[in-house]
Amino acid sequence: GADGILQFQWRQSRQGAETFHSGMVPHA
């Protein structure tokens, strides 16, 4: 039933508590 698929987050953080949470644009 979803009409949209979004992520957290677009670009993986370089700093902060979510540095190692994946992003659509990873560190690499």
PDB file of all heavy atoms in Angstrom:
ATOM      1  N   GLY A   1       0.758  -1.251   0.000  1.00  0.00           N
ATOM      2  CA  GLY A   1       0.000   0.000   0.000  1.00  0.00           C
ATOM      3  C   GLY A   1       0.782   1.291   0.000  1.00  0.00           C
ATOM      4  O   GLY A   1       0.178   2.367   0.030  1.00  0.00           O
ATOM      5  N   ALA A   2       2.124   1.263  -0.029  1.00  0.00           N
ATOM      6  CA  ALA A   2       2.900   2.499   0.012  1.00  0.00           C
ATOM      7  C   ALA A   2       2.901   3.188  -1.347  1.00  0.00           C
ATOM      8  O   ALA A   2       3.049   2.537  -2.381  1.00  0.00           O
ATOM      9  CB  ALA A   2       4.336   2.223   0.455  1.00  0.00           C
ATOM     10  N   ASP A   3       2.745   4.505  -1.333  1.00  0.00           N
ATOM     11  CA  ASP A   3       2.883   5.327  -2.537  1.00  0.00           C
ATOM     12  C   ASP A   3       4.201   6.099  -2.535  1.00  0.00           C
ATOM     13  O   ASP A   3       4.396   6.973  -3.388  1.00  0.00           O
ATOM     14  CB  ASP A   3       1.719   6.316  -2.649  1.00  0.00           C
ATOM     15  CG  ASP A   3       0.531   5.742  -3.408  1.00  0.00           C
ATOM     16  OD1 ASP A   3       0.601   4.569  -3.820  1.00  0.00           O
ATOM     17  OD2 ASP A   3      -0.469   6.460  -3.566  1.00  0.00           O
ATOM     18  N   GLY A   4       5.064   5.816  -1.593  1.00  0.00           N
ATOM     19  CA  GLY A   4       6.353   6.488  -1.537  1.00  0.00           C
ATOM     20  C   GLY A   4       7.330   5.698  -0.702  1.00  0.00           C
ATOM     21  O   GLY A   4       6.946   5.051   0.282  1.00  0.00           O
ATOM     22  N   ILE A   5       8.613   5.742  -1.099  1.00  0.00           N
ATOM     23  CA  ILE A   5       9.680   5.000  -0.412  1.00  0.00           C
ATOM     24  C   ILE A   5      10.832   5.971  -0.173  1.00  0.00           C
ATOM     25  O   ILE A   5      11.598   6.298  -1.080  1.00  0.00           O
ATOM     26  CB  ILE A   5      10.168   3.802  -1.248  1.00  0.00           C
ATOM     27  CG1 ILE A   5       9.005   2.873  -1.594  1.00  0.00           C
ATOM     28  CG2 ILE A   5      11.275   3.066  -0.514  1.00  0.00           C
ATOM     29  CD1 ILE A   5       8.384   2.172  -0.415  1.00  0.00           C
ATOM     30  N   LEU A   6      10.939   6.450   1.053  1.00  0.00           N
ATOM     31  CA  LEU A   6      12.007   7.374   1.410  1.00  0.00           C
ATOM     32  C   LEU A   6      12.945   6.714   2.420  1.00  0.00           C
ATOM     33  O   LEU A   6      12.586   5.724   3.066  1.00  0.00           O
ATOM     34  CB  LEU A   6      11.437   8.675   1.981  1.00  0.00           C
ATOM     35  CG  LEU A   6      10.936   9.703   0.955  1.00  0.00           C
ATOM     36  CD1 LEU A   6       9.686   9.206   0.235  1.00  0.00           C
ATOM     37  CD2 LEU A   6      10.620  11.036   1.626  1.00  0.00           C
ATOM     38  N   GLN A   7      14.144   7.290   2.548  1.00  0.00           N
ATOM     39  CA  GLN A   7      15.163   6.694   3.412  1.00  0.00           C
ATOM     40  C   GLN A   7      15.631   7.712   4.458  1.00  0.00           C
ATOM     41  O   GLN A   7      15.495   8.910   4.286  1.00  0.00           O
ATOM     42  CB  GLN A   7      16.416   6.273   2.604  1.00  0.00           C
ATOM     43  CG  GLN A   7      16.204   6.012   1.137  1.00  0.00           C
ATOM     44  CD  GLN A   7      15.410   4.765   0.858  1.00  0.00           C
ATOM     45  OE1 GLN A   7      15.603   3.752   1.508  1.00  0.00           O
ATOM     46  NE2 GLN A   7      14.524   4.821  -0.129  1.00  0.00           N
ATOM     47  N   PHE A   8      16.210   7.186   5.513  1.00  0.00           N
ATOM     48  CA  PHE A   8      17.075   8.011   6.351  1.00  0.00           C
ATOM     49  C   PHE A   8      18.501   7.487   6.155  1.00  0.00           C
ATOM     50  O   PHE A   8      18.804   6.365   6.541  1.00  0.00           O
ATOM     51  CB  PHE A   8      16.727   7.939   7.832  1.00  0.00           C
ATOM     52  CG  PHE A   8      17.600   8.870   8.627  1.00  0.00           C
ATOM     53  CD1 PHE A   8      17.255  10.205   8.766  1.00  0.00           C
ATOM     54  CD2 PHE A   8      18.792   8.436   9.173  1.00  0.00           C
ATOM     55  CE1 PHE A   8      18.078  11.078   9.453  1.00  0.00           C
ATOM     56  CE2 PHE A   8      19.626   9.301   9.853  1.00  0.00           C
ATOM     57  CZ  PHE A   8      19.261  10.625   9.997  1.00  0.00           C
ATOM     58  N   GLN A   9      19.281   8.311   5.563  1.00  0.00           N
ATOM     59  CA  GLN A   9      19.033   9.624   5.020  1.00  0.00           C
ATOM     60  C   GLN A   9      19.680   9.699   3.640  1.00  0.00           C
ATOM     61  O   GLN A   9      20.205   8.702   3.146  1.00  0.00           O
ATOM     62  CB  GLN A   9      19.620  10.686   5.957  1.00  0.00           C
ATOM     63  CG  GLN A   9      21.104  10.525   6.226  1.00  0.00           C
ATOM     64  CD  GLN A   9      21.640  11.600   7.166  1.00  0.00           C
ATOM     65  OE1 GLN A   9      21.277  12.772   7.073  1.00  0.00           O
ATOM     66  NE2 GLN A   9      22.507  11.206   8.075  1.00  0.00           N
ATOM     67  N   TRP A  10      19.645  10.876   2.996  1.00  0.00           N
ATOM     68  CA  TRP A  10      20.230  10.987   1.660  1.00  0.00           C
ATOM     69  C   TRP A  10      21.730  10.746   1.695  1.00  0.00           C
ATOM     70  O   TRP A  10      22.252   9.846   1.047  1.00  0.00           O
ATOM     71  CB  TRP A  10      19.924  12.349   1.048  1.00  0.00           C
ATOM     72  CG  TRP A  10      20.783  12.662  -0.143  1.00  0.00           C
ATOM     73  CD1 TRP A  10      21.782  13.582  -0.215  1.00  0.00           C
ATOM     74  CD2 TRP A  10      20.759  12.012  -1.425  1.00  0.00           C
ATOM     75  NE1 TRP A  10      22.381  13.563  -1.453  1.00  0.00           N
ATOM     76  CE2 TRP A  10      21.770  12.601  -2.222  1.00  0.00           C
ATOM     77  CE3 TRP A  10      20.009  10.993  -1.981  1.00  0.00           C
ATOM     78  CZ2 TRP A  10      22.040  12.206  -3.534  1.00  0.00           C
ATOM     79  CZ3 TRP A  10      20.261  10.591  -3.294  1.00  0.00           C
ATOM     80  CH2 TRP A  10      21.265  11.192  -4.052  1.00  0.00           C
ATOM     81  N   ARG A  11      22.445  11.541   2.440  1.00  0.00           N
ATOM     82  CA  ARG A  11      23.908  11.425   2.495  1.00  0.00           C
ATOM     83  C   ARG A  11      24.318  10.975   3.892  1.00  0.00           C
ATOM     84  O   ARG A  11      23.898  11.568   4.890  1.00  0.00           O
ATOM     85  CB  ARG A  11      24.568  12.762   2.135  1.00  0.00           C
ATOM     86  CG  ARG A  11      26.087  12.703   2.062  1.00  0.00           C
ATOM     87  CD  ARG A  11      26.673  14.034   1.620  1.00  0.00           C
ATOM     88  NE  ARG A  11      26.526  14.250   0.186  1.00  0.00           N
ATOM     89  CZ  ARG A  11      27.391  13.815  -0.732  1.00  0.00           C
ATOM     90  NH1 ARG A  11      28.452  13.112  -0.359  1.00  0.00           N
ATOM     91  NH2 ARG A  11      27.191  14.078  -2.004  1.00  0.00           N
ATOM     92  N   GLN A  12      25.123   9.936   3.976  1.00  0.00           N
ATOM     93  CA  GLN A  12      25.561   9.405   5.262  1.00  0.00           C
ATOM     94  C   GLN A  12      26.364  10.461   6.013  1.00  0.00           C
ATOM     95  O   GLN A  12      27.256  11.111   5.459  1.00  0.00           O
ATOM     96  CB  GLN A  12      26.421   8.154   5.061  1.00  0.00           C
ATOM     97  CG  GLN A  12      26.774   7.423   6.348  1.00  0.00           C
ATOM     98  CD  GLN A  12      27.456   6.093   6.087  1.00  0.00           C
ATOM     99  OE1 GLN A  12      27.759   5.743   4.944  1.00  0.00           O
ATOM    100  NE2 GLN A  12      27.707   5.342   7.149  1.00  0.00           N
ATOM    101  N   SER A  13      26.032  10.659   7.289  1.00  0.00           N
ATOM    102  CA  SER A  13      26.664  11.709   8.085  1.00  0.00           C
ATOM    103  C   SER A  13      28.159  11.473   8.250  1.00  0.00           C
ATOM    104  O   SER A  13      28.609  10.328   8.396  1.00  0.00           O
ATOM    105  CB  SER A  13      26.010  11.790   9.471  1.00  0.00           C
ATOM    106  OG  SER A  13      24.665  12.179   9.379  1.00  0.00           O
ATOM    107  N   ARG A  14      28.914  12.565   8.260  1.00  0.00           N
ATOM    108  CA  ARG A  14      30.343  12.481   8.515  1.00  0.00           C
ATOM    109  C   ARG A  14      30.642  12.574  10.004  1.00  0.00           C
ATOM    110  O   ARG A  14      31.684  12.094  10.474  1.00  0.00           O
ATOM    111  CB  ARG A  14      31.079  13.599   7.771  1.00  0.00           C
ATOM    112  CG  ARG A  14      32.609  13.472   7.791  1.00  0.00           C
ATOM    113  CD  ARG A  14      33.260  14.520   6.920  1.00  0.00           C
ATOM    114  NE  ARG A  14      33.070  15.863   7.434  1.00  0.00           N
ATOM    115  CZ  ARG A  14      33.859  16.429   8.356  1.00  0.00           C
ATOM    116  NH1 ARG A  14      34.884  15.761   8.858  1.00  0.00           N
ATOM    117  NH2 ARG A  14      33.636  17.649   8.762  1.00  0.00           N
ATOM    118  N   GLN A  15      29.731  13.184  10.767  1.00  0.00           N
ATOM    119  CA  GLN A  15      29.938  13.382  12.204  1.00  0.00           C
ATOM    120  C   GLN A  15      28.621  13.140  12.942  1.00  0.00           C
ATOM    121  O   GLN A  15      27.555  13.078  12.339  1.00  0.00           O
ATOM    122  CB  GLN A  15      30.418  14.809  12.480  1.00  0.00           C
ATOM    123  CG  GLN A  15      31.779  15.140  11.897  1.00  0.00           C
ATOM    124  CD  GLN A  15      32.114  16.615  12.067  1.00  0.00           C
ATOM    125  OE1 GLN A  15      31.406  17.485  11.578  1.00  0.00           O
ATOM    126  NE2 GLN A  15      33.202  16.882  12.782  1.00  0.00           N
ATOM    127  N   GLY A  16      28.716  13.032  14.253  1.00  0.00           N
ATOM    128  CA  GLY A  16      27.526  12.937  15.080  1.00  0.00           C
ATOM    129  C   GLY A  16      27.144  11.507  15.420  1.00  0.00           C
ATOM    130  O   GLY A  16      27.812  10.538  15.052  1.00  0.00           O
ATOM    131  N   ALA A  17      26.016  11.377  16.108  1.00  0.00           N
ATOM    132  CA  ALA A  17      25.585  10.092  16.643  1.00  0.00           C
ATOM    133  C   ALA A  17      25.214   9.096  15.557  1.00  0.00           C
ATOM    134  O   ALA A  17      25.146   7.887  15.821  1.00  0.00           O
ATOM    135  CB  ALA A  17      24.401  10.294  17.593  1.00  0.00           C
ATOM    136  N   GLU A  18      24.938   9.579  14.335  1.00  0.00           N
ATOM    137  CA  GLU A  18      24.516   8.672  13.270  1.00  0.00           C
ATOM    138  C   GLU A  18      25.554   8.558  12.158  1.00  0.00           C
ATOM    139  O   GLU A  18      25.230   8.279  11.003  1.00  0.00           O
ATOM    140  CB  GLU A  18      23.164   9.137  12.716  1.00  0.00           C
ATOM    141  CG  GLU A  18      22.066   8.971  13.765  1.00  0.00           C
ATOM    142  CD  GLU A  18      20.707   9.489  13.327  1.00  0.00           C
ATOM    143  OE1 GLU A  18      20.645  10.582  12.747  1.00  0.00           O
ATOM    144  OE2 GLU A  18      19.714   8.799  13.593  1.00  0.00           O
ATOM    145  N   THR A  19      26.819   8.735  12.528  1.00  0.00           N
ATOM    146  CA  THR A  19      27.899   8.643  11.545  1.00  0.00           C
ATOM    147  C   THR A  19      27.882   7.308  10.816  1.00  0.00           C
ATOM    148  O   THR A  19      28.134   7.246   9.608  1.00  0.00           O
ATOM    149  CB  THR A  19      29.262   8.838  12.244  1.00  0.00           C
ATOM    150  OG1 THR A  19      29.290  10.132  12.857  1.00  0.00           O
ATOM    151  CG2 THR A  19      30.411   8.705  11.261  1.00  0.00           C
ATOM    152  N   PHE A  20      27.570   6.240  11.519  1.00  0.00           N
ATOM    153  CA  PHE A  20      27.649   4.915  10.916  1.00  0.00           C
ATOM    154  C   PHE A  20      26.276   4.344  10.569  1.00  0.00           C
ATOM    155  O   PHE A  20      26.140   3.150  10.328  1.00  0.00           O
ATOM    156  CB  PHE A  20      28.436   3.977  11.829  1.00  0.00           C
ATOM    157  CG  PHE A  20      29.857   4.443  12.017  1.00  0.00           C
ATOM    158  CD1 PHE A  20      30.254   5.031  13.205  1.00  0.00           C
ATOM    159  CD2 PHE A  20      30.763   4.349  10.981  1.00  0.00           C
ATOM    160  CE1 PHE A  20      31.551   5.486  13.373  1.00  0.00           C
ATOM    161  CE2 PHE A  20      32.064   4.812  11.134  1.00  0.00           C
ATOM    162  CZ  PHE A  20      32.465   5.382  12.327  1.00  0.00           C
ATOM    163  N   HIS A  21      25.270   5.215  10.544  1.00  0.00           N
ATOM    164  CA  HIS A  21      23.974   4.843   9.978  1.00  0.00           C
ATOM    165  C   HIS A  21      24.070   5.055   8.470  1.00  0.00           C
ATOM    166  O   HIS A  21      24.510   6.094   8.000  1.00  0.00           O
ATOM    167  CB  HIS A  21      22.875   5.731  10.569  1.00  0.00           C
ATOM    168  CG  HIS A  21      21.479   5.298  10.240  1.00  0.00           C
ATOM    169  ND1 HIS A  21      20.973   5.291   8.958  1.00  0.00           N
ATOM    170  CD2 HIS A  21      20.467   4.864  11.037  1.00  0.00           C
ATOM    171  CE1 HIS A  21      19.720   4.882   8.979  1.00  0.00           C
ATOM    172  NE2 HIS A  21      19.395   4.611  10.235  1.00  0.00           N
ATOM    173  N   SER A  22      23.666   4.053   7.693  1.00  0.00           N
ATOM    174  CA  SER A  22      23.834   4.132   6.241  1.00  0.00           C
ATOM    175  C   SER A  22      23.035   5.279   5.645  1.00  0.00           C
ATOM    176  O   SER A  22      22.036   5.733   6.211  1.00  0.00           O
ATOM    177  CB  SER A  22      23.386   2.818   5.598  1.00  0.00           C
ATOM    178  OG  SER A  22      22.021   2.572   5.865  1.00  0.00           O
ATOM    179  N   GLY A  23      23.483   5.751   4.500  1.00  0.00           N
ATOM    180  CA  GLY A  23      22.779   6.766   3.732  1.00  0.00           C
ATOM    181  C   GLY A  23      22.689   6.336   2.287  1.00  0.00           C
ATOM    182  O   GLY A  23      23.387   5.419   1.835  1.00  0.00           O
ATOM    183  N   MET A  24      21.820   7.009   1.536  1.00  0.00           N
ATOM    184  CA  MET A  24      21.708   6.697   0.112  1.00  0.00           C
ATOM    185  C   MET A  24      23.029   6.962  -0.593  1.00  0.00           C
ATOM    186  O   MET A  24      23.417   6.236  -1.509  1.00  0.00           O
ATOM    187  CB  MET A  24      20.579   7.515  -0.513  1.00  0.00           C
ATOM    188  CG  MET A  24      19.207   7.191   0.064  1.00  0.00           C
ATOM    189  SD  MET A  24      17.888   8.284  -0.542  1.00  0.00           S
ATOM    190  CE  MET A  24      17.658   7.669  -2.211  1.00  0.00           C
ATOM    191  N   VAL A  25      23.709   8.032  -0.170  1.00  0.00           N
ATOM    192  CA  VAL A  25      25.078   8.295  -0.624  1.00  0.00           C
ATOM    193  C   VAL A  25      25.997   7.911   0.523  1.00  0.00           C
ATOM    194  O   VAL A  25      26.119   8.636   1.506  1.00  0.00           O
ATOM    195  CB  VAL A  25      25.289   9.768  -1.005  1.00  0.00           C
ATOM    196  CG1 VAL A  25      26.712   9.984  -1.510  1.00  0.00           C
ATOM    197  CG2 VAL A  25      24.273  10.216  -2.048  1.00  0.00           C
ATOM    198  N   PRO A  26      26.638   6.745   0.464  1.00  0.00           N
ATOM    199  CA  PRO A  26      27.470   6.302   1.584  1.00  0.00           C
ATOM    200  C   PRO A  26      28.791   7.054   1.643  1.00  0.00           C
ATOM    201  O   PRO A  26      29.118   7.851   0.754  1.00  0.00           O
ATOM    202  CB  PRO A  26      27.672   4.811   1.303  1.00  0.00           C
ATOM    203  CG  PRO A  26      27.429   4.647  -0.149  1.00  0.00           C
ATOM    204  CD  PRO A  26      26.549   5.765  -0.611  1.00  0.00           C
ATOM    205  N   HIS A  27      29.564   6.802   2.708  1.00  0.00           N
ATOM    206  CA  HIS A  27      30.872   7.451   2.838  1.00  0.00           C
ATOM    207  C   HIS A  27      31.739   7.202   1.608  1.00  0.00           C
ATOM    208  O   HIS A  27      32.519   8.078   1.213  1.00  0.00           O
ATOM    209  CB  HIS A  27      31.588   6.936   4.093  1.00  0.00           C
ATOM    210  CG  HIS A  27      30.965   7.419   5.368  1.00  0.00           C
ATOM    211  ND1 HIS A  27      31.065   6.724   6.556  1.00  0.00           N
ATOM    212  CD2 HIS A  27      30.225   8.520   5.659  1.00  0.00           C
ATOM    213  CE1 HIS A  27      30.433   7.380   7.512  1.00  0.00           C
ATOM    214  NE2 HIS A  27      29.912   8.474   6.992  1.00  0.00           N
ATOM    215  N   ALA A  28      31.599   6.048   1.000  1.00  0.00           N
ATOM    216  CA  ALA A  28      32.411   5.716  -0.175  1.00  0.00           C
ATOM    217  C   ALA A  28      31.873   6.337  -1.460  1.00  0.00           C
ATOM    218  O   ALA A  28      32.493   6.207  -2.518  1.00  0.00           O
ATOM    219  CB  ALA A  28      32.491   4.198  -0.337  1.00  0.00           C
TER     220      ALA A  28
END
